[in-house]
Amino acid sequence: MPQEYRSRRSCLAVPGSSQRFLDKARGLAADEVFLDLEDAVAPAAKEAARRNVIAALNDGGWGGKLVAVRVNDATTRWAYRDVAEVVAAAGRGLDAVILPKVTDPGHVVWLDLMLGQIEQDTGDEAGRIGIEAQIEDARGLARVDEIAAASPRLRALVFGPADFMASIGMRSLRVGAQPAGYVGSDAYHYPLLRILVAARGHGLAAVDGPHLAIGDLDGLAEAAASAAALGYDGKWVLHPDQIDVVNQAFSPSQDDYERAELILGAYRYYTSVEHRGAVMLGDEMIDEASRKLALVVATKGRAAGLRSSQRFEPPVSMTSAEHAPLGESPGQPAGET
């Protein structure tokens, strides 16, 4: 898990060219909002979109959400002005810059250097603004480990399915759908897993790309649940109706969260007080591997705002246990706190 985990269950794309969407996004329940200067903005509208984004960032009011801007990719004529103008004018309102179509670690290094120069010039805290790198084609996937290691500013890797499909020649016009005639189980499992492993290997979050069929909430729920089960932290959303579906998919269930916190409490007690590395908790043995699994669930649950209604209570002495109320046993969850 990233050392300073921030919830990215739902990452809402907001076109920088639409003032109406920029205004509306503040009140939505997405964990992250990114103001888009890339694919959602026509070439003729790029400059106006930059001005809109700068104003939206300076106006604030994002209510604790992670706030990012997606600039144009590093090989385009717009990229350097996106970074220079937006970050210099409104960088204090930014948590991260999303860099699309990353095919080479040098793209991330370029953005890191640009951000560092602007921070020096504006007096902002060095290294505060993070980078999220989008892996969108075969070249980027082939070098994803190098990309993940390219900058200490990196916070997340993001899968871009549409461009990836085109880059490998996948025979489908429906983004994210299984290509007709494919007899395997999931045509996207390999890129998703490879990006996830690279992200986790470097302490980064991993975010799945969008579900473009806006009205297909059942399909969205299935895709989000699959990515969450694999280990992803969240998914891009393109419409407000998609937010609740995705938030639910990437939040641990209350029962799983309660169990994870209980395992952490028990393991902490037994290792630090009784100096035992493997013990029984109810009818389950827990050890260091259990702690690691529980920490993932607990960390995501805390970031999603879940709260535990019980805590681990150390086992009482045999004398006290003999007088415990019927049905209570040592080393079990305490009641409501």
Protein backbone atom coordinates (compact mmCIF):
# COMPACT_ATOMS: atom_id res chain seq x y z
CA MET A 1 0.00 0.00 0.00
CA PRO A 2 1.20 3.57 -0.60
CA GLN A 3 2.71 5.01 2.59
CA GLU A 4 0.28 7.93 2.73
CA TYR A 5 -2.87 6.32 1.38
CA ARG A 6 -5.56 8.58 -0.06
CA SER A 7 -8.80 7.15 -1.30
CA ARG A 8 -9.16 7.12 -5.08
CA ARG A 9 -12.23 4.90 -5.40
CA SER A 10 -13.89 7.17 -7.96
CA CYS A 11 -11.87 9.59 -10.09
CA LEU A 12 -14.21 11.95 -11.94
CA ALA A 13 -13.20 13.39 -15.31
CA VAL A 14 -14.38 16.99 -15.79
CA PRO A 15 -13.83 18.73 -19.16
CA GLY A 16 -11.92 21.96 -18.64
CA SER A 17 -13.89 23.51 -21.50
CA SER A 18 -17.24 23.22 -19.65
CA GLN A 19 -17.85 25.79 -16.95
CA ARG A 20 -21.11 24.07 -16.03
CA PHE A 21 -19.39 20.76 -15.38
CA LEU A 22 -16.59 22.45 -13.45
CA ASP A 23 -19.11 24.11 -11.16
CA LYS A 24 -21.16 20.95 -10.66
CA ALA A 25 -18.17 18.73 -9.83
CA ARG A 26 -17.54 20.43 -6.50
CA GLY A 27 -20.71 18.99 -4.98
CA LEU A 28 -20.28 15.40 -6.18
CA ALA A 29 -19.13 12.47 -4.04
CA ALA A 30 -16.08 11.47 -6.08
CA ASP A 31 -12.88 10.88 -4.12
CA GLU A 32 -10.81 12.58 -6.82
CA VAL A 33 -11.73 15.14 -9.44
CA PHE A 34 -9.46 15.77 -12.38
CA LEU A 35 -9.93 18.76 -14.63
CA ASP A 36 -9.21 17.59 -18.15
CA LEU A 37 -7.22 19.52 -20.74
CA GLU A 38 -6.57 16.52 -22.99
CA ASP A 39 -9.01 14.31 -24.89
CA ALA A 40 -12.16 15.97 -23.54
CA VAL A 41 -11.09 19.34 -24.98
CA ALA A 42 -11.00 20.14 -28.70
CA PRO A 43 -7.74 21.67 -30.03
CA ALA A 44 -9.39 25.04 -30.66
CA ALA A 45 -10.63 25.16 -27.05
CA LYS A 46 -7.35 24.33 -25.29
CA GLU A 47 -6.43 27.88 -24.29
CA ALA A 48 -9.87 28.74 -23.00
CA ALA A 49 -9.96 25.47 -21.05
CA ARG A 50 -6.66 26.36 -19.36
CA ARG A 51 -8.14 29.64 -18.19
CA ASN A 52 -11.24 27.86 -16.88
CA VAL A 53 -9.14 25.33 -14.99
CA ILE A 54 -6.95 28.01 -13.42
CA ALA A 55 -10.01 29.89 -12.22
CA ALA A 56 -11.64 26.71 -10.86
CA LEU A 57 -8.51 25.76 -8.93
CA ASN A 58 -8.06 29.24 -7.48
CA ASP A 59 -11.73 29.45 -6.48
CA GLY A 60 -11.32 26.30 -4.34
CA GLY A 61 -14.29 24.74 -2.59
CA TRP A 62 -13.42 21.14 -3.48
CA GLY A 63 -14.37 19.83 -0.05
CA GLY A 64 -11.34 17.68 0.74
CA LYS A 65 -11.32 15.84 -2.58
CA LEU A 66 -8.08 15.04 -4.31
CA VAL A 67 -7.83 17.60 -7.13
CA ALA A 68 -5.78 16.97 -10.26
CA VAL A 69 -5.44 18.31 -13.76
CA ARG A 70 -4.82 16.13 -16.80
CA VAL A 71 -2.47 17.90 -19.16
CA ASN A 72 -1.84 16.96 -22.77
CA ASP A 73 0.77 14.30 -23.37
CA ALA A 74 4.43 15.21 -23.28
CA THR A 75 4.93 14.93 -27.05
CA THR A 76 2.26 17.51 -27.97
CA ARG A 77 2.60 21.23 -28.56
CA TRP A 78 0.21 22.00 -25.70
CA ALA A 79 1.89 20.10 -22.88
CA TYR A 80 4.51 22.58 -21.70
CA ARG A 81 2.03 25.45 -21.59
CA ASP A 82 -0.51 23.30 -19.75
CA VAL A 83 2.03 22.65 -17.01
CA ALA A 84 3.68 26.07 -16.95
CA GLU A 85 0.49 28.15 -16.98
CA VAL A 86 -1.76 26.04 -14.76
CA VAL A 87 0.77 25.12 -12.09
CA ALA A 88 2.35 28.57 -11.92
CA ALA A 89 -1.02 30.29 -11.59
CA ALA A 90 -2.94 27.74 -9.51
CA GLY A 91 -0.54 25.06 -8.30
CA ARG A 92 -1.48 25.54 -4.66
CA GLY A 93 -4.92 24.18 -5.50
CA LEU A 94 -3.50 21.01 -7.05
CA ASP A 95 -2.71 17.63 -5.52
CA ALA A 96 -1.47 16.01 -8.72
CA VAL A 97 -0.87 16.34 -12.44
CA ILE A 98 -2.08 13.44 -14.59
CA LEU A 99 0.25 12.76 -17.51
CA PRO A 100 -1.45 10.77 -20.31
CA LYS A 101 0.02 8.43 -22.90
CA VAL A 102 3.24 7.80 -21.00
CA THR A 103 5.42 5.55 -23.14
CA ASP A 104 8.84 6.38 -21.72
CA PRO A 105 10.13 7.15 -18.21
CA GLY A 106 11.61 10.30 -19.70
CA HIS A 107 8.11 11.76 -19.98
CA VAL A 108 7.71 11.51 -16.20
CA VAL A 109 11.19 12.92 -15.62
CA TRP A 110 10.33 15.90 -17.84
CA LEU A 111 7.19 16.64 -15.84
CA ASP A 112 9.04 16.22 -12.55
CA LEU A 113 11.65 18.76 -13.64
CA MET A 114 9.00 21.22 -14.85
CA LEU A 115 7.10 20.98 -11.56
CA GLY A 116 10.31 21.45 -9.57
CA GLN A 117 11.23 24.58 -11.50
CA ILE A 118 7.79 26.07 -11.00
CA GLU A 119 7.85 25.27 -7.28
CA GLN A 120 11.17 27.07 -6.95
CA ASP A 121 9.81 30.06 -8.81
CA THR A 122 6.52 30.28 -6.88
CA GLY A 123 7.85 29.30 -3.47
CA ASP A 124 5.58 26.27 -3.21
CA GLU A 125 6.70 23.26 -1.18
CA ALA A 126 9.19 21.20 -3.17
CA GLY A 127 7.78 17.88 -4.33
CA ARG A 128 4.28 18.53 -2.99
CA ILE A 129 2.45 18.13 -6.30
CA GLY A 130 2.25 14.48 -7.30
CA ILE A 131 2.17 12.78 -10.70
CA GLU A 132 -0.27 10.15 -11.95
CA ALA A 133 0.99 8.37 -15.07
CA GLN A 134 -1.45 6.92 -17.60
CA ILE A 135 -0.36 3.70 -19.30
CA GLU A 136 -2.29 3.65 -22.57
CA ASP A 137 -0.44 1.60 -25.14
CA ALA A 138 1.86 -1.35 -25.74
CA ARG A 139 5.01 0.77 -25.46
CA GLY A 140 4.00 2.15 -22.10
CA LEU A 141 3.04 -1.27 -20.77
CA ALA A 142 6.35 -2.75 -21.93
CA ARG A 143 8.22 -0.15 -19.84
CA VAL A 144 5.78 0.20 -16.96
CA ASP A 145 8.31 -0.83 -14.30
CA GLU A 146 10.76 1.84 -15.45
CA ILE A 147 7.94 4.39 -15.58
CA ALA A 148 6.82 3.52 -12.05
CA ALA A 149 10.36 4.19 -10.79
CA ALA A 150 10.92 7.41 -12.74
CA SER A 151 10.06 9.99 -10.06
CA PRO A 152 9.45 10.24 -6.30
CA ARG A 153 6.44 12.40 -7.20
CA LEU A 154 4.56 9.46 -8.66
CA ARG A 155 1.37 8.69 -6.75
CA ALA A 156 -0.55 6.38 -9.11
CA LEU A 157 -0.54 4.44 -12.35
CA VAL A 158 -3.72 4.59 -14.44
CA PHE A 159 -4.81 2.14 -17.14
CA GLY A 160 -6.13 3.72 -20.34
CA PRO A 161 -8.11 0.97 -22.11
CA ALA A 162 -9.23 2.70 -25.32
CA ASP A 163 -5.81 3.70 -26.63
CA PHE A 164 -4.39 0.42 -25.38
CA MET A 165 -6.92 -1.56 -27.43
CA ALA A 166 -6.01 0.41 -30.53
CA SER A 167 -2.28 0.05 -29.94
CA ILE A 168 -2.39 -3.76 -29.89
CA GLY A 169 -4.98 -4.08 -32.66
CA MET A 170 -7.74 -5.53 -30.52
CA ARG A 171 -10.80 -6.32 -32.65
CA SER A 172 -13.46 -4.38 -30.78
CA LEU A 173 -15.14 -0.99 -30.99
CA ARG A 174 -16.58 -1.20 -27.46
CA VAL A 175 -14.07 0.05 -24.91
CA GLY A 176 -13.55 -2.46 -22.12
CA ALA A 177 -15.77 -5.11 -23.67
CA GLN A 178 -14.38 -8.54 -24.48
CA PRO A 179 -13.52 -8.72 -28.20
CA ALA A 180 -15.81 -10.92 -30.26
CA GLY A 181 -14.24 -14.30 -30.92
CA TYR A 182 -11.83 -14.14 -27.98
CA VAL A 183 -11.95 -17.48 -26.16
CA GLY A 184 -9.93 -16.50 -23.09
CA SER A 185 -11.45 -15.43 -19.79
CA ASP A 186 -10.49 -11.73 -19.79
CA ALA A 187 -8.63 -9.91 -22.54
CA TYR A 188 -7.62 -7.13 -20.12
CA HIS A 189 -6.29 -9.25 -17.26
CA TYR A 190 -2.66 -9.08 -18.40
CA PRO A 191 -2.34 -5.28 -18.71
CA LEU A 192 -4.34 -4.72 -15.53
CA LEU A 193 -2.21 -7.13 -13.52
CA ARG A 194 1.08 -5.90 -14.97
CA ILE A 195 0.22 -2.27 -14.13
CA LEU A 196 -0.91 -3.33 -10.65
CA VAL A 197 2.32 -5.20 -9.93
CA ALA A 198 4.44 -2.25 -11.12
CA ALA A 199 2.40 0.13 -8.98
CA ARG A 200 2.61 -1.97 -5.84
CA GLY A 201 6.29 -2.65 -6.42
CA HIS A 202 6.92 1.09 -6.11
CA GLY A 203 4.34 1.98 -3.44
CA LEU A 204 1.84 3.54 -5.85
CA ALA A 205 -1.93 3.43 -6.19
CA ALA A 206 -3.43 1.66 -9.20
CA VAL A 207 -6.52 3.06 -10.96
CA ASP A 208 -8.58 1.41 -13.69
CA GLY A 209 -9.79 3.37 -16.70
CA PRO A 210 -13.37 4.45 -17.45
CA HIS A 211 -16.48 2.51 -18.48
CA LEU A 212 -17.65 4.43 -21.53
CA ALA A 213 -21.19 3.01 -21.69
CA ILE A 214 -22.63 5.67 -19.37
CA GLY A 215 -26.08 4.11 -19.02
CA ASP A 216 -24.79 0.57 -18.42
CA LEU A 217 -24.56 0.70 -14.62
CA ASP A 218 -24.76 -3.08 -14.30
CA GLY A 219 -21.79 -3.49 -16.61
CA LEU A 220 -19.96 -0.76 -14.71
CA ALA A 221 -20.62 -2.48 -11.38
CA GLU A 222 -19.29 -5.77 -12.78
CA ALA A 223 -16.13 -4.15 -14.20
CA ALA A 224 -15.48 -2.16 -11.03
CA ALA A 225 -16.00 -5.19 -8.79
CA SER A 226 -13.57 -7.19 -10.91
CA ALA A 227 -10.85 -4.52 -10.74
CA ALA A 228 -11.41 -4.08 -7.00
CA ALA A 229 -11.13 -7.83 -6.43
CA LEU A 230 -7.84 -7.85 -8.33
CA GLY A 231 -6.48 -5.18 -5.99
CA TYR A 232 -7.06 -1.87 -7.76
CA ASP A 233 -7.74 1.22 -5.67
CA GLY A 234 -10.35 2.82 -7.91
CA LYS A 235 -11.69 3.59 -11.35
CA TRP A 236 -12.26 6.64 -13.52
CA VAL A 237 -15.85 7.81 -13.88
CA LEU A 238 -17.27 10.01 -16.63
CA HIS A 239 -20.72 10.83 -15.28
CA PRO A 240 -22.17 11.61 -11.84
CA ASP A 241 -24.44 8.54 -12.05
CA GLN A 242 -21.37 6.31 -12.07
CA ILE A 243 -19.87 7.63 -8.82
CA ASP A 244 -21.93 5.74 -6.23
CA VAL A 245 -21.60 2.46 -8.12
CA VAL A 246 -17.82 2.75 -8.23
CA ASN A 247 -17.46 3.98 -4.65
CA GLN A 248 -19.40 0.97 -3.44
CA ALA A 249 -17.34 -1.47 -5.50
CA PHE A 250 -14.03 -0.19 -4.16
CA SER A 251 -15.08 0.11 -0.52
CA PRO A 252 -14.58 -2.92 1.73
CA SER A 253 -17.78 -4.32 3.18
CA GLN A 254 -18.45 -3.32 6.77
CA ASP A 255 -18.01 -6.93 7.89
CA ASP A 256 -14.65 -7.26 6.13
CA TYR A 257 -13.51 -3.94 7.57
CA GLU A 258 -14.54 -4.93 11.12
CA ARG A 259 -12.71 -8.23 10.76
CA ALA A 260 -9.57 -6.54 9.42
CA GLU A 261 -9.40 -4.11 12.34
CA LEU A 262 -9.94 -7.00 14.75
CA ILE A 263 -7.06 -8.96 13.21
CA LEU A 264 -4.77 -5.95 13.43
CA GLY A 265 -5.64 -5.35 17.08
CA ALA A 266 -5.17 -9.01 18.02
CA TYR A 267 -1.91 -9.36 16.15
CA ARG A 268 -0.55 -6.18 17.72
CA TYR A 269 -1.37 -7.48 21.19
CA TYR A 270 0.00 -11.00 20.76
CA THR A 271 3.26 -9.92 19.13
CA SER A 272 4.04 -6.99 21.44
CA VAL A 273 2.72 -8.29 24.78
CA GLU A 274 2.82 -12.06 24.61
CA HIS A 275 5.57 -12.19 21.96
CA ARG A 276 3.79 -14.81 19.89
CA GLY A 277 3.85 -14.72 16.11
CA ALA A 278 0.95 -17.03 15.30
CA VAL A 279 -2.24 -17.38 17.36
CA MET A 280 -5.87 -18.38 17.07
CA LEU A 281 -8.50 -15.68 16.72
CA GLY A 282 -11.81 -17.45 17.02
CA ASP A 283 -11.45 -20.45 14.73
CA GLU A 284 -8.82 -18.86 12.48
CA MET A 285 -5.05 -18.78 12.86
CA ILE A 286 -3.52 -15.35 12.26
CA ASP A 287 0.11 -14.47 11.60
CA GLU A 288 2.19 -11.86 9.78
CA ALA A 289 0.61 -12.72 6.42
CA SER A 290 -2.83 -12.22 7.99
CA ARG A 291 -1.70 -8.82 9.28
CA LYS A 292 -0.61 -7.72 5.80
CA LEU A 293 -3.91 -8.75 4.23
CA ALA A 294 -5.87 -7.09 7.04
CA LEU A 295 -3.86 -3.90 6.69
CA VAL A 296 -4.88 -3.55 3.03
CA VAL A 297 -8.57 -3.85 3.88
CA ALA A 298 -8.33 -1.63 6.96
CA THR A 299 -6.39 1.07 5.15
CA LYS A 300 -8.92 1.23 2.31
CA GLY A 301 -11.80 1.16 4.76
CA ARG A 302 -10.42 4.01 6.87
CA ALA A 303 -9.78 6.08 3.74
CA ALA A 304 -13.36 5.41 2.64
CA GLY A 305 -14.65 6.70 5.97
CA LEU A 306 -15.67 3.38 7.54
CA ARG A 307 -15.66 3.11 11.33
CA SER A 308 -15.37 0.00 13.50
CA SER A 309 -17.97 -0.73 16.16
CA GLN A 310 -15.80 -3.23 18.02
CA ARG A 311 -12.24 -3.67 19.19
CA PHE A 312 -10.03 -6.55 20.22
CA GLU A 313 -9.91 -7.16 23.95
CA PRO A 314 -6.88 -9.04 25.36
CA PRO A 315 -7.74 -12.36 26.99
CA VAL A 316 -8.53 -12.17 30.70
CA SER A 317 -6.94 -14.35 33.34
CA MET A 318 -8.34 -17.81 33.98
CA THR A 319 -9.83 -16.62 37.28
CA SER A 320 -11.66 -13.79 35.56
CA ALA A 321 -12.68 -16.05 32.71
CA GLU A 322 -14.38 -18.40 35.11
CA HIS A 323 -16.66 -15.55 36.18
CA ALA A 324 -17.29 -14.17 32.70
CA PRO A 325 -20.93 -13.96 31.58
CA LEU A 326 -22.21 -17.05 29.80
CA GLY A 327 -21.29 -17.01 26.12
CA GLU A 328 -18.29 -14.65 26.43
CA SER A 329 -14.80 -16.03 25.97
CA PRO A 330 -11.29 -14.60 26.26
CA GLY A 331 -9.68 -12.89 23.30
CA GLN A 332 -12.92 -12.10 21.52
CA PRO A 333 -14.23 -8.81 20.10
CA ALA A 334 -15.47 -6.34 22.66
CA GLY A 335 -18.89 -4.84 22.28
CA GLU A 336 -19.84 -1.44 20.92
CA THR A 337 -17.41 1.36 21.72
